[in-house]
Amino acid sequence: MKTITSKVIGDLTQDEEFNNWWHAEFIPIPFFDNTRLCVTMVGFTPGQDYFFLQQADEALSNFLQKGKDDRLAISSFVFDNLEDFKCAAGTSSLSEELKELENEQSIWNFVTPHGITVQRRHRRDQDIYISISLNCEWEEEHGLQLVFRQGKKLTRVSSLDGHLTDADAYGLSDDKDKLLSAY
């Protein structure tokens, strides 16, 4: 099995089914109180994208500097995702605690991270994005994702739909994407 080496997270092993996916060992993620998560680099073919690994390492280094305070600072965006869900789907499937939740920072009690991908956006800016997939109690089927451009700034909070930006998901120009355009 082939491996590549990240200067930030060490060796990654090539996926057996998808030859441009590379999996690292579980590493502690300060953003989630050092919960250990697997990091997967997606869409990287050595010899084709000569800058991917260097840019991915920069993005990972940026993201791994984020801690609990950074997570709490984006609580309102995750809380808004819950509120959007309530408006779209109602509250009948929610626990009483979620129905009555008012403290935005408490939203993290209903969210569990389960993996991180690092990938290049294939449209427009072609930048490196870190996408965190999470399970959340209000959207069990589609989950939740947090996306950080270059690992620095939150640029998307959404269900897990395969898109790195709202611009890509909804066919918008980047300047019409609220979080992305604020980057």
N, C-alpha and C. Protein backbone atom coordinates (compact mmCIF):
# COMPACT_ATOMS: atom_id res chain seq x y z
N MET A 1 0.84 -1.17 0.00
CA MET A 1 0.00 0.00 0.00
C MET A 1 0.89 1.25 0.00
N LYS A 2 0.51 2.23 -0.78
CA LYS A 2 1.31 3.45 -0.89
C LYS A 2 1.04 4.39 0.28
N THR A 3 2.06 5.20 0.59
CA THR A 3 1.90 6.22 1.62
C THR A 3 2.47 7.54 1.11
N ILE A 4 1.97 8.62 1.70
CA ILE A 4 2.53 9.95 1.51
C ILE A 4 2.78 10.50 2.91
N THR A 5 3.59 11.53 3.01
CA THR A 5 3.91 12.08 4.33
C THR A 5 3.57 13.55 4.39
N SER A 6 2.77 13.88 5.38
CA SER A 6 2.44 15.26 5.71
C SER A 6 3.42 15.72 6.79
N LYS A 7 3.94 16.92 6.65
CA LYS A 7 4.83 17.46 7.68
C LYS A 7 4.06 17.80 8.96
N VAL A 8 2.75 17.86 8.87
CA VAL A 8 1.91 18.25 10.01
C VAL A 8 1.31 17.04 10.72
N ILE A 9 0.81 16.07 9.98
CA ILE A 9 0.11 14.94 10.61
C ILE A 9 0.77 13.58 10.35
N GLY A 10 1.90 13.57 9.67
CA GLY A 10 2.63 12.32 9.47
C GLY A 10 2.18 11.54 8.24
N ASP A 11 2.34 10.23 8.29
CA ASP A 11 2.06 9.37 7.15
C ASP A 11 0.56 9.20 6.93
N LEU A 12 0.19 9.18 5.65
CA LEU A 12 -1.17 8.88 5.23
C LEU A 12 -1.09 7.70 4.27
N THR A 13 -2.04 6.79 4.39
CA THR A 13 -2.07 5.59 3.57
C THR A 13 -3.14 5.72 2.49
N GLN A 14 -2.80 5.29 1.30
CA GLN A 14 -3.73 5.36 0.18
C GLN A 14 -4.94 4.45 0.42
N ASP A 15 -6.12 4.98 0.12
CA ASP A 15 -7.36 4.21 0.24
C ASP A 15 -7.33 3.05 -0.76
N GLU A 16 -7.87 1.92 -0.36
CA GLU A 16 -7.87 0.74 -1.23
C GLU A 16 -8.82 0.89 -2.41
N GLU A 17 -9.90 1.66 -2.24
CA GLU A 17 -10.89 1.79 -3.30
C GLU A 17 -10.72 3.07 -4.12
N PHE A 18 -10.43 4.17 -3.44
CA PHE A 18 -10.28 5.47 -4.11
C PHE A 18 -8.81 5.87 -4.07
N ASN A 19 -8.12 5.77 -5.21
CA ASN A 19 -6.67 5.95 -5.20
C ASN A 19 -6.22 7.40 -4.99
N ASN A 20 -7.16 8.36 -4.96
CA ASN A 20 -6.76 9.73 -4.68
C ASN A 20 -7.25 10.18 -3.29
N TRP A 21 -7.53 9.21 -2.42
CA TRP A 21 -7.87 9.47 -1.02
C TRP A 21 -6.74 8.90 -0.17
N TRP A 22 -6.35 9.65 0.87
CA TRP A 22 -5.24 9.27 1.74
C TRP A 22 -5.66 9.45 3.19
N HIS A 23 -5.51 8.43 4.01
CA HIS A 23 -5.98 8.44 5.39
C HIS A 23 -4.80 8.49 6.37
N ALA A 24 -4.90 9.38 7.33
CA ALA A 24 -3.92 9.46 8.41
C ALA A 24 -4.43 8.67 9.60
N GLU A 25 -3.56 8.47 10.56
CA GLU A 25 -3.97 7.90 11.84
C GLU A 25 -4.86 8.93 12.55
N PHE A 26 -5.60 8.51 13.53
CA PHE A 26 -6.41 9.42 14.33
C PHE A 26 -5.47 10.36 15.08
N ILE A 27 -5.79 11.65 15.03
CA ILE A 27 -4.96 12.64 15.73
C ILE A 27 -5.84 13.50 16.63
N PRO A 28 -5.27 14.07 17.71
CA PRO A 28 -6.05 14.95 18.58
C PRO A 28 -6.36 16.27 17.88
N ILE A 29 -7.59 16.72 17.99
CA ILE A 29 -8.04 17.95 17.35
C ILE A 29 -8.37 18.97 18.44
N PRO A 30 -7.53 19.97 18.66
CA PRO A 30 -7.77 20.96 19.72
C PRO A 30 -9.13 21.66 19.63
N PHE A 31 -9.63 21.88 18.43
CA PHE A 31 -10.92 22.54 18.22
C PHE A 31 -12.05 21.78 18.93
N PHE A 32 -11.89 20.46 19.03
CA PHE A 32 -12.88 19.59 19.68
C PHE A 32 -12.30 18.98 20.96
N ASP A 33 -11.63 19.79 21.75
CA ASP A 33 -11.10 19.36 23.05
C ASP A 33 -10.21 18.12 22.93
N ASN A 34 -9.44 18.08 21.86
CA ASN A 34 -8.49 17.00 21.58
C ASN A 34 -9.13 15.64 21.32
N THR A 35 -10.39 15.66 20.89
CA THR A 35 -11.00 14.43 20.38
C THR A 35 -10.15 13.94 19.22
N ARG A 36 -9.90 12.66 19.18
CA ARG A 36 -9.06 12.08 18.13
C ARG A 36 -9.93 11.77 16.91
N LEU A 37 -9.53 12.32 15.77
CA LEU A 37 -10.27 12.12 14.53
C LEU A 37 -9.32 11.70 13.42
N CYS A 38 -9.87 11.00 12.45
CA CYS A 38 -9.12 10.64 11.26
C CYS A 38 -9.15 11.81 10.28
N VAL A 39 -8.01 12.10 9.69
CA VAL A 39 -7.92 13.12 8.65
C VAL A 39 -7.71 12.41 7.33
N THR A 40 -8.52 12.77 6.33
CA THR A 40 -8.42 12.17 5.01
C THR A 40 -8.18 13.28 3.99
N MET A 41 -7.14 13.12 3.20
CA MET A 41 -6.91 14.04 2.09
C MET A 41 -7.61 13.44 0.88
N VAL A 42 -8.46 14.25 0.25
CA VAL A 42 -9.32 13.78 -0.84
C VAL A 42 -8.94 14.49 -2.13
N GLY A 43 -8.85 13.71 -3.20
CA GLY A 43 -8.62 14.29 -4.53
C GLY A 43 -7.16 14.56 -4.85
N PHE A 44 -6.24 13.94 -4.12
CA PHE A 44 -4.82 14.19 -4.35
C PHE A 44 -4.18 13.02 -5.07
N THR A 45 -3.63 13.30 -6.23
CA THR A 45 -2.87 12.33 -6.99
C THR A 45 -1.43 12.83 -7.08
N PRO A 46 -0.50 12.17 -6.38
CA PRO A 46 0.89 12.61 -6.44
C PRO A 46 1.37 12.70 -7.90
N GLY A 47 2.11 13.75 -8.17
CA GLY A 47 2.62 13.94 -9.52
C GLY A 47 1.70 14.77 -10.41
N GLN A 48 0.50 15.04 -9.95
CA GLN A 48 -0.44 15.85 -10.74
C GLN A 48 -0.68 17.22 -10.12
N ASP A 49 -0.80 17.29 -8.82
CA ASP A 49 -1.03 18.57 -8.12
C ASP A 49 0.17 18.77 -7.21
N TYR A 50 1.18 19.45 -7.75
CA TYR A 50 2.46 19.56 -7.06
C TYR A 50 2.42 20.39 -5.78
N PHE A 51 1.40 21.22 -5.63
CA PHE A 51 1.33 22.10 -4.46
C PHE A 51 0.32 21.62 -3.43
N PHE A 52 -0.43 20.56 -3.73
CA PHE A 52 -1.49 20.12 -2.84
C PHE A 52 -0.98 19.82 -1.43
N LEU A 53 0.02 18.99 -1.32
CA LEU A 53 0.48 18.55 0.00
C LEU A 53 0.99 19.73 0.82
N GLN A 54 1.74 20.62 0.22
CA GLN A 54 2.24 21.80 0.93
C GLN A 54 1.07 22.69 1.38
N GLN A 55 0.12 22.93 0.50
CA GLN A 55 -1.03 23.77 0.85
C GLN A 55 -1.94 23.08 1.86
N ALA A 56 -2.08 21.77 1.76
CA ALA A 56 -2.87 21.02 2.73
C ALA A 56 -2.21 21.10 4.10
N ASP A 57 -0.90 20.99 4.15
CA ASP A 57 -0.19 21.11 5.42
C ASP A 57 -0.38 22.49 6.04
N GLU A 58 -0.34 23.53 5.22
CA GLU A 58 -0.57 24.90 5.72
C GLU A 58 -1.98 25.02 6.30
N ALA A 59 -2.97 24.49 5.59
CA ALA A 59 -4.35 24.55 6.06
C ALA A 59 -4.52 23.75 7.35
N LEU A 60 -3.94 22.56 7.41
CA LEU A 60 -4.02 21.76 8.63
C LEU A 60 -3.33 22.46 9.80
N SER A 61 -2.18 23.04 9.55
CA SER A 61 -1.48 23.76 10.60
C SER A 61 -2.33 24.91 11.13
N ASN A 62 -2.96 25.65 10.21
CA ASN A 62 -3.86 26.73 10.62
C ASN A 62 -5.01 26.20 11.47
N PHE A 63 -5.63 25.13 11.00
CA PHE A 63 -6.79 24.60 11.71
C PHE A 63 -6.41 24.03 13.07
N LEU A 64 -5.29 23.35 13.14
CA LEU A 64 -4.89 22.72 14.40
C LEU A 64 -4.48 23.74 15.46
N GLN A 65 -4.35 24.99 15.08
CA GLN A 65 -4.11 26.06 16.06
C GLN A 65 -5.40 26.54 16.71
N LYS A 66 -6.53 26.14 16.15
CA LYS A 66 -7.82 26.55 16.70
C LYS A 66 -8.20 25.66 17.89
N GLY A 67 -8.75 26.30 18.91
CA GLY A 67 -9.14 25.56 20.10
C GLY A 67 -10.59 25.77 20.47
N LYS A 68 -10.89 25.48 21.70
CA LYS A 68 -12.26 25.56 22.20
C LYS A 68 -12.86 26.96 22.04
N ASP A 69 -12.09 27.99 22.32
CA ASP A 69 -12.60 29.36 22.18
C ASP A 69 -13.02 29.66 20.74
N ASP A 70 -12.25 29.14 19.78
CA ASP A 70 -12.60 29.33 18.37
C ASP A 70 -13.89 28.60 18.04
N ARG A 71 -14.06 27.40 18.62
CA ARG A 71 -15.29 26.64 18.40
C ARG A 71 -16.48 27.39 18.98
N LEU A 72 -16.34 27.86 20.20
CA LEU A 72 -17.44 28.58 20.83
C LEU A 72 -17.78 29.87 20.08
N ALA A 73 -16.79 30.47 19.44
CA ALA A 73 -17.01 31.72 18.70
C ALA A 73 -17.91 31.52 17.47
N ILE A 74 -18.01 30.29 16.98
CA ILE A 74 -18.87 30.04 15.81
C ILE A 74 -20.18 29.36 16.19
N SER A 75 -20.47 29.30 17.47
CA SER A 75 -21.68 28.63 17.96
C SER A 75 -22.94 29.15 17.29
N SER A 76 -23.02 30.44 17.05
CA SER A 76 -24.24 31.02 16.48
C SER A 76 -24.55 30.44 15.11
N PHE A 77 -23.52 30.11 14.33
CA PHE A 77 -23.75 29.54 13.00
C PHE A 77 -24.34 28.13 13.09
N VAL A 78 -23.86 27.35 14.05
CA VAL A 78 -24.38 26.00 14.24
C VAL A 78 -25.79 26.08 14.82
N PHE A 79 -25.99 26.99 15.75
CA PHE A 79 -27.32 27.21 16.33
C PHE A 79 -28.31 27.63 15.23
N ASP A 80 -27.87 28.49 14.32
CA ASP A 80 -28.73 28.89 13.19
C ASP A 80 -29.11 27.71 12.31
N ASN A 81 -28.18 26.74 12.18
CA ASN A 81 -28.48 25.54 11.40
C ASN A 81 -29.61 24.76 12.06
N LEU A 82 -29.59 24.67 13.39
CA LEU A 82 -30.69 24.02 14.12
C LEU A 82 -31.99 24.80 13.89
N GLU A 83 -31.95 26.10 14.00
CA GLU A 83 -33.15 26.91 13.82
C GLU A 83 -33.71 26.76 12.40
N ASP A 84 -32.83 26.70 11.40
CA ASP A 84 -33.27 26.48 10.02
C ASP A 84 -33.95 25.12 9.88
N PHE A 85 -33.38 24.12 10.55
CA PHE A 85 -33.98 22.78 10.53
C PHE A 85 -35.37 22.82 11.14
N LYS A 86 -35.53 23.50 12.27
CA LYS A 86 -36.84 23.60 12.93
C LYS A 86 -37.87 24.23 11.99
N CYS A 87 -37.46 25.27 11.28
CA CYS A 87 -38.38 25.95 10.36
C CYS A 87 -38.77 25.04 9.19
N ALA A 88 -37.81 24.27 8.70
CA ALA A 88 -38.06 23.43 7.53
C ALA A 88 -38.76 22.12 7.87
N ALA A 89 -38.39 21.51 8.98
CA ALA A 89 -38.88 20.16 9.29
C ALA A 89 -39.78 20.08 10.52
N GLY A 90 -39.88 21.18 11.23
CA GLY A 90 -40.67 21.15 12.46
C GLY A 90 -39.86 20.64 13.62
N THR A 91 -40.51 20.47 14.75
CA THR A 91 -39.80 20.07 15.95
C THR A 91 -40.25 18.73 16.52
N SER A 92 -41.17 18.05 15.85
CA SER A 92 -41.72 16.82 16.42
C SER A 92 -40.67 15.74 16.65
N SER A 93 -39.60 15.72 15.87
CA SER A 93 -38.57 14.69 16.03
C SER A 93 -37.49 15.08 17.03
N LEU A 94 -37.57 16.29 17.57
CA LEU A 94 -36.52 16.79 18.45
C LEU A 94 -36.81 16.48 19.92
N SER A 95 -35.74 16.33 20.69
CA SER A 95 -35.88 16.15 22.13
C SER A 95 -36.38 17.47 22.73
N GLU A 96 -36.95 17.38 23.89
CA GLU A 96 -37.42 18.60 24.58
C GLU A 96 -36.26 19.57 24.80
N GLU A 97 -35.11 19.01 25.13
CA GLU A 97 -33.94 19.85 25.38
C GLU A 97 -33.54 20.65 24.14
N LEU A 98 -33.60 20.03 22.97
CA LEU A 98 -33.28 20.74 21.72
C LEU A 98 -34.37 21.75 21.35
N LYS A 99 -35.62 21.38 21.59
CA LYS A 99 -36.73 22.29 21.29
C LYS A 99 -36.61 23.59 22.07
N GLU A 100 -36.14 23.48 23.30
CA GLU A 100 -36.10 24.64 24.20
C GLU A 100 -34.73 25.29 24.30
N LEU A 101 -33.77 24.81 23.55
CA LEU A 101 -32.40 25.32 23.63
C LEU A 101 -32.34 26.81 23.30
N GLU A 102 -31.76 27.58 24.19
CA GLU A 102 -31.64 29.03 23.98
C GLU A 102 -30.18 29.48 24.01
N ASN A 103 -29.34 28.79 24.76
CA ASN A 103 -27.94 29.16 24.87
C ASN A 103 -27.19 28.61 23.65
N GLU A 104 -26.74 29.51 22.78
CA GLU A 104 -26.09 29.09 21.54
C GLU A 104 -24.88 28.20 21.78
N GLN A 105 -24.11 28.47 22.81
CA GLN A 105 -22.91 27.68 23.05
C GLN A 105 -23.22 26.26 23.50
N SER A 106 -24.43 26.04 23.99
CA SER A 106 -24.83 24.69 24.40
C SER A 106 -25.11 23.78 23.20
N ILE A 107 -25.15 24.34 22.00
CA ILE A 107 -25.41 23.55 20.79
C ILE A 107 -24.39 22.42 20.63
N TRP A 108 -23.17 22.65 21.15
CA TRP A 108 -22.11 21.65 21.00
C TRP A 108 -22.39 20.37 21.79
N ASN A 109 -23.32 20.42 22.73
CA ASN A 109 -23.70 19.21 23.47
C ASN A 109 -24.49 18.24 22.60
N PHE A 110 -24.92 18.69 21.44
CA PHE A 110 -25.75 17.88 20.54
C PHE A 110 -25.03 17.54 19.23
N VAL A 111 -23.72 17.75 19.23
CA VAL A 111 -22.91 17.58 18.03
C VAL A 111 -21.70 16.71 18.37
N THR A 112 -21.40 15.74 17.50
CA THR A 112 -20.23 14.87 17.69
C THR A 112 -19.44 14.81 16.39
N PRO A 113 -18.19 15.27 16.41
CA PRO A 113 -17.37 15.20 15.19
C PRO A 113 -17.00 13.76 14.87
N HIS A 114 -16.92 13.45 13.57
CA HIS A 114 -16.48 12.07 13.28
C HIS A 114 -15.44 11.97 12.19
N GLY A 115 -15.05 13.05 11.52
CA GLY A 115 -13.97 12.96 10.56
C GLY A 115 -13.66 14.30 9.93
N ILE A 116 -12.46 14.39 9.36
CA ILE A 116 -12.00 15.61 8.71
C ILE A 116 -11.48 15.25 7.33
N THR A 117 -11.90 16.03 6.34
CA THR A 117 -11.31 15.88 5.01
C THR A 117 -10.61 17.19 4.63
N VAL A 118 -9.56 17.03 3.87
CA VAL A 118 -8.81 18.15 3.33
C VAL A 118 -8.87 17.99 1.83
N GLN A 119 -9.38 19.00 1.14
CA GLN A 119 -9.50 18.88 -0.31
C GLN A 119 -9.43 20.23 -0.99
N ARG A 120 -9.13 20.17 -2.26
CA ARG A 120 -9.07 21.37 -3.08
C ARG A 120 -10.45 21.61 -3.70
N ARG A 121 -10.90 22.84 -3.63
CA ARG A 121 -12.14 23.21 -4.33
C ARG A 121 -11.83 23.22 -5.82
N HIS A 122 -12.65 22.58 -6.60
CA HIS A 122 -12.37 22.44 -8.03
C HIS A 122 -12.96 23.55 -8.87
N ARG A 123 -13.64 24.48 -8.22
CA ARG A 123 -14.22 25.61 -8.94
C ARG A 123 -13.59 26.89 -8.44
N ARG A 124 -13.59 27.86 -9.25
CA ARG A 124 -13.22 29.24 -8.94
C ARG A 124 -11.88 29.36 -8.22
N ASP A 125 -11.87 29.53 -6.90
CA ASP A 125 -10.61 29.85 -6.21
C ASP A 125 -9.62 28.68 -6.15
N GLN A 126 -10.08 27.47 -6.31
CA GLN A 126 -9.26 26.26 -6.25
C GLN A 126 -8.36 26.23 -5.01
N ASP A 127 -8.89 26.73 -3.92
CA ASP A 127 -8.17 26.78 -2.66
C ASP A 127 -8.33 25.46 -1.91
N ILE A 128 -7.60 25.32 -0.82
CA ILE A 128 -7.69 24.15 0.04
C ILE A 128 -8.70 24.43 1.16
N TYR A 129 -9.59 23.48 1.37
CA TYR A 129 -10.63 23.60 2.39
C TYR A 129 -10.56 22.41 3.34
N ILE A 130 -10.83 22.68 4.59
CA ILE A 130 -10.94 21.62 5.60
C ILE A 130 -12.41 21.47 5.93
N SER A 131 -12.93 20.28 5.75
CA SER A 131 -14.34 20.00 6.02
C SER A 131 -14.43 19.00 7.17
N ILE A 132 -15.20 19.37 8.17
CA ILE A 132 -15.39 18.50 9.33
C ILE A 132 -16.79 17.92 9.26
N SER A 133 -16.89 16.62 9.25
CA SER A 133 -18.20 15.98 9.27
C SER A 133 -18.56 15.65 10.71
N LEU A 134 -19.83 15.94 11.01
CA LEU A 134 -20.31 15.76 12.38
C LEU A 134 -21.67 15.08 12.38
N ASN A 135 -21.92 14.33 13.42
CA ASN A 135 -23.28 13.86 13.68
C ASN A 135 -23.94 14.92 14.54
N CYS A 136 -25.21 15.17 14.29
CA CYS A 136 -25.94 16.11 15.13
C CYS A 136 -27.32 15.54 15.41
N GLU A 137 -27.84 15.82 16.58
CA GLU A 137 -29.08 15.21 17.02
C GLU A 137 -30.31 15.71 16.27
N TRP A 138 -30.23 16.87 15.64
CA TRP A 138 -31.41 17.38 14.95
C TRP A 138 -31.48 16.94 13.49
N GLU A 139 -30.38 16.54 12.91
CA GLU A 139 -30.37 16.14 11.50
C GLU A 139 -29.59 14.84 11.38
N GLU A 140 -30.21 13.76 11.85
CA GLU A 140 -29.52 12.48 11.91
C GLU A 140 -29.23 11.90 10.53
N GLU A 141 -30.08 12.19 9.56
CA GLU A 141 -29.89 11.62 8.23
C GLU A 141 -28.76 12.29 7.46
N HIS A 142 -28.69 13.60 7.47
CA HIS A 142 -27.71 14.32 6.65
C HIS A 142 -26.54 14.89 7.43
N GLY A 143 -26.61 14.84 8.74
CA GLY A 143 -25.51 15.32 9.55
C GLY A 143 -25.24 16.80 9.40
N LEU A 144 -24.03 17.17 9.71
CA LEU A 144 -23.61 18.57 9.72
C LEU A 144 -22.17 18.63 9.23
N GLN A 145 -21.84 19.71 8.53
CA GLN A 145 -20.44 19.91 8.18
C GLN A 145 -20.06 21.36 8.46
N LEU A 146 -18.83 21.50 8.90
CA LEU A 146 -18.20 22.81 9.08
C LEU A 146 -17.04 22.86 8.11
N VAL A 147 -16.95 23.94 7.34
CA VAL A 147 -15.90 24.05 6.33
C VAL A 147 -15.08 25.31 6.60
N PHE A 148 -13.76 25.14 6.58
CA PHE A 148 -12.83 26.25 6.81
C PHE A 148 -11.92 26.40 5.60
N ARG A 149 -11.93 27.58 5.00
CA ARG A 149 -11.04 27.85 3.87
C ARG A 149 -9.62 28.04 4.42
N GLN A 150 -8.69 27.33 3.82
CA GLN A 150 -7.28 27.31 4.23
C GLN A 150 -7.13 26.96 5.72
N GLY A 151 -8.16 26.37 6.31
CA GLY A 151 -8.12 26.02 7.72
C GLY A 151 -8.22 27.22 8.64
N LYS A 152 -8.45 28.40 8.06
CA LYS A 152 -8.42 29.64 8.84
C LYS A 152 -9.80 30.11 9.29
N LYS A 153 -10.70 30.24 8.35
CA LYS A 153 -11.97 30.91 8.65
C LYS A 153 -13.14 30.05 8.19
N LEU A 154 -14.17 30.02 9.02
CA LEU A 154 -15.38 29.28 8.70
C LEU A 154 -16.02 29.87 7.45
N THR A 155 -16.26 29.01 6.47
CA THR A 155 -16.88 29.48 5.23
C THR A 155 -18.17 28.73 4.89
N ARG A 156 -18.52 27.71 5.70
CA ARG A 156 -19.79 27.03 5.45
C ARG A 156 -20.20 26.20 6.65
N VAL A 157 -21.51 26.24 6.97
CA VAL A 157 -22.15 25.35 7.94
C VAL A 157 -23.37 24.81 7.22
N SER A 158 -23.45 23.50 7.07
CA SER A 158 -24.55 22.92 6.29
C SER A 158 -24.67 21.44 6.61
N SER A 159 -25.65 20.82 5.97
CA SER A 159 -25.72 19.36 6.02
C SER A 159 -24.57 18.81 5.16
N LEU A 160 -24.30 17.53 5.33
CA LEU A 160 -23.25 16.88 4.54
C LEU A 160 -23.78 16.63 3.14
N ASP A 161 -23.45 17.52 2.22
CA ASP A 161 -23.98 17.41 0.86
C ASP A 161 -22.91 17.31 -0.22
N GLY A 162 -21.65 17.24 0.18
CA GLY A 162 -20.58 17.10 -0.79
C GLY A 162 -20.04 18.41 -1.33
N HIS A 163 -20.61 19.53 -0.94
CA HIS A 163 -20.15 20.83 -1.42
C HIS A 163 -19.33 21.53 -0.36
N LEU A 164 -18.30 22.24 -0.79
CA LEU A 164 -17.44 22.98 0.13
C LEU A 164 -17.94 24.40 0.40
N THR A 165 -18.77 24.92 -0.49
CA THR A 165 -19.28 26.28 -0.34
C THR A 165 -20.76 26.32 -0.69
N ASP A 166 -21.47 27.30 -0.14
CA ASP A 166 -22.85 27.52 -0.56
C ASP A 166 -22.90 27.95 -2.02
N ALA A 167 -21.89 28.68 -2.46
CA ALA A 167 -21.84 29.10 -3.87
C ALA A 167 -21.89 27.88 -4.79
N ASP A 168 -21.11 26.86 -4.46
CA ASP A 168 -21.12 25.65 -5.28
C ASP A 168 -22.43 24.88 -5.14
N ALA A 169 -22.95 24.82 -3.93
CA ALA A 169 -24.17 24.04 -3.69
C ALA A 169 -25.39 24.64 -4.38
N TYR A 170 -25.44 25.97 -4.44
CA TYR A 170 -26.64 26.63 -4.96
C TYR A 170 -26.40 27.40 -6.25
N GLY A 171 -25.25 27.20 -6.89
CA GLY A 171 -24.98 27.85 -8.16
C GLY A 171 -24.89 29.37 -8.05
N LEU A 172 -24.32 29.85 -6.95
CA LEU A 172 -24.17 31.28 -6.73
C LEU A 172 -22.77 31.73 -7.11
N SER A 173 -22.62 33.02 -7.35
CA SER A 173 -21.27 33.56 -7.49
C SER A 173 -20.68 33.64 -6.08
N ASP A 174 -19.37 33.59 -5.99
CA ASP A 174 -18.72 33.60 -4.68
C ASP A 174 -19.08 34.83 -3.86
N ASP A 175 -19.29 35.96 -4.52
CA ASP A 175 -19.62 37.18 -3.78
C ASP A 175 -21.03 37.16 -3.20
N LYS A 176 -21.87 36.21 -3.63
CA LYS A 176 -23.23 36.06 -3.09
C LYS A 176 -23.26 35.03 -1.96
N ASP A 177 -22.17 34.38 -1.71
CA ASP A 177 -22.04 33.39 -0.63
C ASP A 177 -21.62 34.15 0.62
N LYS A 178 -22.52 34.27 1.58
CA LYS A 178 -22.32 35.13 2.75
C LYS A 178 -21.00 34.85 3.49
N LEU A 179 -20.76 33.63 3.87
CA LEU A 179 -19.55 33.33 4.64
C LEU A 179 -18.30 33.33 3.76
N LEU A 180 -18.40 32.78 2.57
CA LEU A 180 -17.25 32.72 1.68
C LEU A 180 -16.80 34.12 1.28
N SER A 181 -17.74 35.00 0.98
CA SER A 181 -17.38 36.34 0.54
C SER A 181 -16.78 37.18 1.67
N ALA A 182 -16.98 36.76 2.92
CA ALA A 182 -16.41 37.48 4.06
C ALA A 182 -14.96 37.05 4.32
N TYR A 183 -14.48 36.07 3.57
CA TYR A 183 -13.12 35.56 3.78
C TYR A 183 -12.09 36.62 3.44
